[in-house]
């Protein structure tokens, strides 16, 4: 399993490859294929995935 994570300045983590995310409630979300964006601002309504809320909230981070 090869995964690439790219940090987007003032934005999400872009993740490429096959992986699975275990949410806080224990539910697993599998992802296969190209790219997906994971929230790092904490404002997404679709956590752990990014929904663009970082831009609306003015999130700043390297």
C-alpha atoms as a PDB file:
ATOM      1  CA  UNK A   1       0.000   0.000   0.000  1.00  0.00           C
ATOM      2  CA  UNK A   2       1.584   3.240  -1.128  1.00  0.00           C
ATOM      3  CA  UNK A   3       0.192   6.523   0.147  1.00  0.00           C
ATOM      4  CA  UNK A   4       1.336  10.068  -0.545  1.00  0.00           C
ATOM      5  CA  UNK A   5       0.285  12.964   1.724  1.00  0.00           C
ATOM      6  CA  UNK A   6       0.743  16.570   0.609  1.00  0.00           C
ATOM      7  CA  UNK A   7       0.179  19.468   3.007  1.00  0.00           C
ATOM      8  CA  UNK A   8      -1.628  22.342   1.307  1.00  0.00           C
ATOM      9  CA  UNK A   9      -0.750  25.733   2.839  1.00  0.00           C
ATOM     10  CA  UNK A  10      -3.865  27.158   4.548  1.00  0.00           C
ATOM     11  CA  UNK A  11      -5.778  24.090   3.395  1.00  0.00           C
ATOM     12  CA  UNK A  12      -6.260  20.346   3.766  1.00  0.00           C
ATOM     13  CA  UNK A  13      -4.002  17.323   3.559  1.00  0.00           C
ATOM     14  CA  UNK A  14      -4.219  15.841   0.051  1.00  0.00           C
ATOM     15  CA  UNK A  15      -3.939  12.072   0.258  1.00  0.00           C
ATOM     16  CA  UNK A  16      -3.250   9.878  -2.766  1.00  0.00           C
ATOM     17  CA  UNK A  17      -3.470   6.106  -2.815  1.00  0.00           C
ATOM     18  CA  UNK A  18      -5.347   3.373  -0.998  1.00  0.00           C
ATOM     19  CA  UNK A  19      -5.964   3.867   2.718  1.00  0.00           C
ATOM     20  CA  UNK A  20      -8.606   3.681   5.394  1.00  0.00           C
ATOM     21  CA  UNK A  21      -9.604   6.196   8.038  1.00  0.00           C
ATOM     22  CA  UNK A  22     -10.971   5.137  11.419  1.00  0.00           C
ATOM     23  CA  UNK A  23     -13.317   7.831  12.727  1.00  0.00           C
ATOM     24  CA  UNK A  24     -13.694   8.732  16.410  1.00  0.00           C
ATOM     25  CA  UNK A  25     -16.818   6.561  16.624  1.00  0.00           C
ATOM     26  CA  UNK A  26     -14.866   3.545  15.328  1.00  0.00           C
ATOM     27  CA  UNK A  27     -16.440   3.577  11.870  1.00  0.00           C
ATOM     28  CA  UNK A  28     -13.983   2.854   9.091  1.00  0.00           C
ATOM     29  CA  UNK A  29     -13.962   4.691   5.797  1.00  0.00           C
ATOM     30  CA  UNK A  30     -11.954   3.064   3.019  1.00  0.00           C
ATOM     31  CA  UNK A  31     -10.606   5.073   0.117  1.00  0.00           C
ATOM     32  CA  UNK A  32      -9.151   3.651  -3.042  1.00  0.00           C
ATOM     33  CA  UNK A  33      -7.783   5.467  -5.987  1.00  0.00           C
ATOM     34  CA  UNK A  34      -6.752   8.933  -6.840  1.00  0.00           C
ATOM     35  CA  UNK A  35      -6.927  11.823  -4.372  1.00  0.00           C
ATOM     36  CA  UNK A  36      -9.004  12.926  -1.436  1.00  0.00           C
ATOM     37  CA  UNK A  37      -8.633  15.865   0.932  1.00  0.00           C
ATOM     38  CA  UNK A  38      -8.613  15.477   4.713  1.00  0.00           C
ATOM     39  CA  UNK A  39      -9.655  18.380   6.931  1.00  0.00           C
ATOM     40  CA  UNK A  40      -7.080  19.915   9.209  1.00  0.00           C
ATOM     41  CA  UNK A  41      -8.929  23.112  10.189  1.00  0.00           C
ATOM     42  CA  UNK A  42     -11.615  21.367  12.237  1.00  0.00           C
ATOM     43  CA  UNK A  43     -14.528  23.204  10.605  1.00  0.00           C
ATOM     44  CA  UNK A  44     -15.599  20.668   7.958  1.00  0.00           C
ATOM     45  CA  UNK A  45     -19.165  19.409   8.163  1.00  0.00           C
ATOM     46  CA  UNK A  46     -17.921  16.193   6.534  1.00  0.00           C
ATOM     47  CA  UNK A  47     -15.040  15.265   8.873  1.00  0.00           C
ATOM     48  CA  UNK A  48     -12.553  13.749   8.404  1.00  0.00           C
ATOM     49  CA  UNK A  49     -12.898  14.960   4.805  1.00  0.00           C
ATOM     50  CA  UNK A  50     -12.451  18.553   3.684  1.00  0.00           C
ATOM     51  CA  UNK A  51     -15.489  20.486   2.478  1.00  0.00           C
ATOM     52  CA  UNK A  52     -13.752  23.819   1.872  1.00  0.00           C
ATOM     53  CA  UNK A  53     -14.648  25.278   5.281  1.00  0.00           C
ATOM     54  CA  UNK A  54     -11.007  26.318   5.817  1.00  0.00           C
ATOM     55  CA  UNK A  55     -11.418  29.057   3.207  1.00  0.00           C
ATOM     56  CA  UNK A  56     -14.640  30.384   4.755  1.00  0.00           C
ATOM     57  CA  UNK A  57     -13.085  30.357   8.243  1.00  0.00           C
ATOM     58  CA  UNK A  58      -9.786  31.965   7.253  1.00  0.00           C
ATOM     59  CA  UNK A  59      -7.701  28.963   8.364  1.00  0.00           C
ATOM     60  CA  UNK A  60      -3.975  29.725   8.318  1.00  0.00           C
ATOM     61  CA  UNK A  61      -1.205  27.141   8.662  1.00  0.00           C
ATOM     62  CA  UNK A  62       1.911  26.147   6.768  1.00  0.00           C
END
